[in-house]
C-alpha atoms as a PDB file:
ATOM      1  CA  MET A   1     -23.641  23.769  31.935  1.00  0.00           C
ATOM      2  CA  PRO A   2     -21.686  21.942  29.196  1.00  0.00           C
ATOM      3  CA  ARG A   3     -23.665  20.065  26.602  1.00  0.00           C
ATOM      4  CA  PRO A   4     -22.997  16.288  26.449  1.00  0.00           C
ATOM      5  CA  GLU A   5     -21.269  15.024  23.304  1.00  0.00           C
ATOM      6  CA  LEU A   6     -23.750  13.245  21.057  1.00  0.00           C
ATOM      7  CA  ALA A   7     -22.710  10.175  19.099  1.00  0.00           C
ATOM      8  CA  GLY A   8     -22.788  10.632  15.329  1.00  0.00           C
ATOM      9  CA  ASP A   9     -24.892   8.587  12.930  1.00  0.00           C
ATOM     10  CA  LEU A  10     -21.893   6.461  11.923  1.00  0.00           C
ATOM     11  CA  SER A  11     -21.514   5.154  15.479  1.00  0.00           C
ATOM     12  CA  ARG A  12     -24.576   2.961  14.912  1.00  0.00           C
ATOM     13  CA  VAL A  13     -23.374   1.463  11.623  1.00  0.00           C
ATOM     14  CA  LYS A  14     -21.709  -1.942  11.538  1.00  0.00           C
ATOM     15  CA  SER A  15     -18.097  -1.753  10.453  1.00  0.00           C
ATOM     16  CA  ILE A  16     -17.327  -3.104   7.001  1.00  0.00           C
ATOM     17  CA  GLU A  17     -13.931  -4.310   8.205  1.00  0.00           C
ATOM     18  CA  ALA A  18     -14.537  -6.774  10.992  1.00  0.00           C
ATOM     19  CA  ASP A  19     -10.961  -6.944  12.222  1.00  0.00           C
ATOM     20  CA  GLU A  20      -7.888  -4.769  12.422  1.00  0.00           C
ATOM     21  CA  THR A  21      -5.389  -7.119  10.791  1.00  0.00           C
ATOM     22  CA  TRP A  22      -3.011  -5.326   8.472  1.00  0.00           C
ATOM     23  CA  PRO A  23      -0.041  -6.593   6.462  1.00  0.00           C
ATOM     24  CA  THR A  24       3.347  -5.586   7.805  1.00  0.00           C
ATOM     25  CA  LEU A  25       5.098  -5.234   4.462  1.00  0.00           C
ATOM     26  CA  ILE A  26       4.131  -4.412   0.876  1.00  0.00           C
ATOM     27  CA  GLU A  27       6.375  -5.593  -1.954  1.00  0.00           C
ATOM     28  CA  VAL A  28       6.294  -3.948  -5.384  1.00  0.00           C
ATOM     29  CA  VAL A  29       7.678  -6.312  -8.035  1.00  0.00           C
ATOM     30  CA  CYS A  30       8.464  -5.719 -11.720  1.00  0.00           C
ATOM     31  CA  TYR A  31       9.141  -8.635 -14.093  1.00  0.00           C
ATOM     32  CA  TRP A  32      11.028  -8.632 -17.382  1.00  0.00           C
ATOM     33  CA  GLY A  33      10.162 -11.752 -19.328  1.00  0.00           C
ATOM     34  CA  PRO A  34       8.264 -13.141 -22.284  1.00  0.00           C
ATOM     35  CA  LYS A  35       4.621 -12.052 -22.528  1.00  0.00           C
ATOM     36  CA  ASP A  36       3.346 -15.633 -22.442  1.00  0.00           C
ATOM     37  CA  ALA A  37       5.195 -16.394 -19.164  1.00  0.00           C
ATOM     38  CA  PRO A  38       6.288 -13.082 -17.571  1.00  0.00           C
ATOM     39  CA  ARG A  39       7.272 -14.590 -14.221  1.00  0.00           C
ATOM     40  CA  LYS A  40       9.842 -16.786 -15.949  1.00  0.00           C
ATOM     41  CA  GLY A  41      11.977 -13.721 -16.647  1.00  0.00           C
ATOM     42  CA  ARG A  42      14.134 -11.573 -14.423  1.00  0.00           C
ATOM     43  CA  ARG A  43      12.720  -9.306 -11.738  1.00  0.00           C
ATOM     44  CA  ARG A  44      13.446  -6.406  -9.434  1.00  0.00           C
ATOM     45  CA  SER A  45      11.495  -5.538  -6.306  1.00  0.00           C
ATOM     46  CA  VAL A  46      11.305  -2.997  -3.526  1.00  0.00           C
ATOM     47  CA  GLU A  47       9.711  -3.322  -0.097  1.00  0.00           C
ATOM     48  CA  VAL A  48       7.457  -0.586   1.272  1.00  0.00           C
ATOM     49  CA  ASP A  49       6.617  -0.341   4.956  1.00  0.00           C
ATOM     50  CA  ALA A  50       2.909  -1.115   5.397  1.00  0.00           C
ATOM     51  CA  ASP A  51       2.438   1.816   7.778  1.00  0.00           C
ATOM     52  CA  GLN A  52       3.676   4.147   5.052  1.00  0.00           C
ATOM     53  CA  PHE A  53       1.494   2.444   2.409  1.00  0.00           C
ATOM     54  CA  PHE A  54      -1.716   2.561   4.484  1.00  0.00           C
ATOM     55  CA  GLY A  55      -0.983   5.828   6.301  1.00  0.00           C
ATOM     56  CA  ARG A  56      -0.899   4.327   9.785  1.00  0.00           C
ATOM     57  CA  GLY A  57       1.420   4.886  12.728  1.00  0.00           C
ATOM     58  CA  ARG A  58       3.717   7.871  12.283  1.00  0.00           C
ATOM     59  CA  HIS A  59       2.513   8.473   8.706  1.00  0.00           C
ATOM     60  CA  GLY A  60      -0.365  10.911   8.452  1.00  0.00           C
ATOM     61  CA  ALA A  61      -1.809   9.791   5.122  1.00  0.00           C
ATOM     62  CA  PRO A  62      -1.729   6.739   2.864  1.00  0.00           C
ATOM     63  CA  MET A  63       0.794   6.584   0.055  1.00  0.00           C
ATOM     64  CA  SER A  64      -0.519   8.440  -2.957  1.00  0.00           C
ATOM     65  CA  GLY A  65      -0.837   6.911  -6.396  1.00  0.00           C
ATOM     66  CA  ASP A  66       1.875   9.261  -7.638  1.00  0.00           C
ATOM     67  CA  GLN A  67       4.311   7.898  -5.055  1.00  0.00           C
ATOM     68  CA  LEU A  68       3.514   4.310  -6.031  1.00  0.00           C
ATOM     69  CA  VAL A  69       3.893   5.084  -9.735  1.00  0.00           C
ATOM     70  CA  GLY A  70       7.239   6.734  -8.902  1.00  0.00           C
ATOM     71  CA  ILE A  71       8.433   3.533  -7.220  1.00  0.00           C
ATOM     72  CA  VAL A  72       7.439   1.467 -10.265  1.00  0.00           C
ATOM     73  CA  ASN A  73       9.103   3.983 -12.600  1.00  0.00           C
ATOM     74  CA  ASN A  74      12.349   3.803 -10.582  1.00  0.00           C
ATOM     75  CA  LEU A  75      12.264  -0.007 -10.805  1.00  0.00           C
ATOM     76  CA  ARG A  76      11.690   0.256 -14.555  1.00  0.00           C
ATOM     77  CA  LYS A  77      14.650   2.608 -14.994  1.00  0.00           C
ATOM     78  CA  GLN A  78      16.931   0.364 -12.928  1.00  0.00           C
ATOM     79  CA  GLY A  79      15.993  -2.640 -15.051  1.00  0.00           C
ATOM     80  CA  PRO A  80      16.095  -6.270 -13.972  1.00  0.00           C
ATOM     81  CA  LYS A  81      18.780  -7.609 -11.669  1.00  0.00           C
ATOM     82  CA  SER A  82      21.578  -9.229 -13.599  1.00  0.00           C
END
């Protein structure tokens, strides 16, 4: 006779996240401007799909820190938009 599946200890814990609302898009922005008012300068940005960032949907794992640093480094190398 098969043994019934027992619920784990975590099944009795209240969830920290009450809802399942997630952003749909993440934007990484780099600014080139004076230190006292950096947003007054020029900028370059790239959009990252939220499913890729959080590791949801067809993506198996969240974006790693190395991937995010790579995106910022590419923006830095490209420089601000003219």
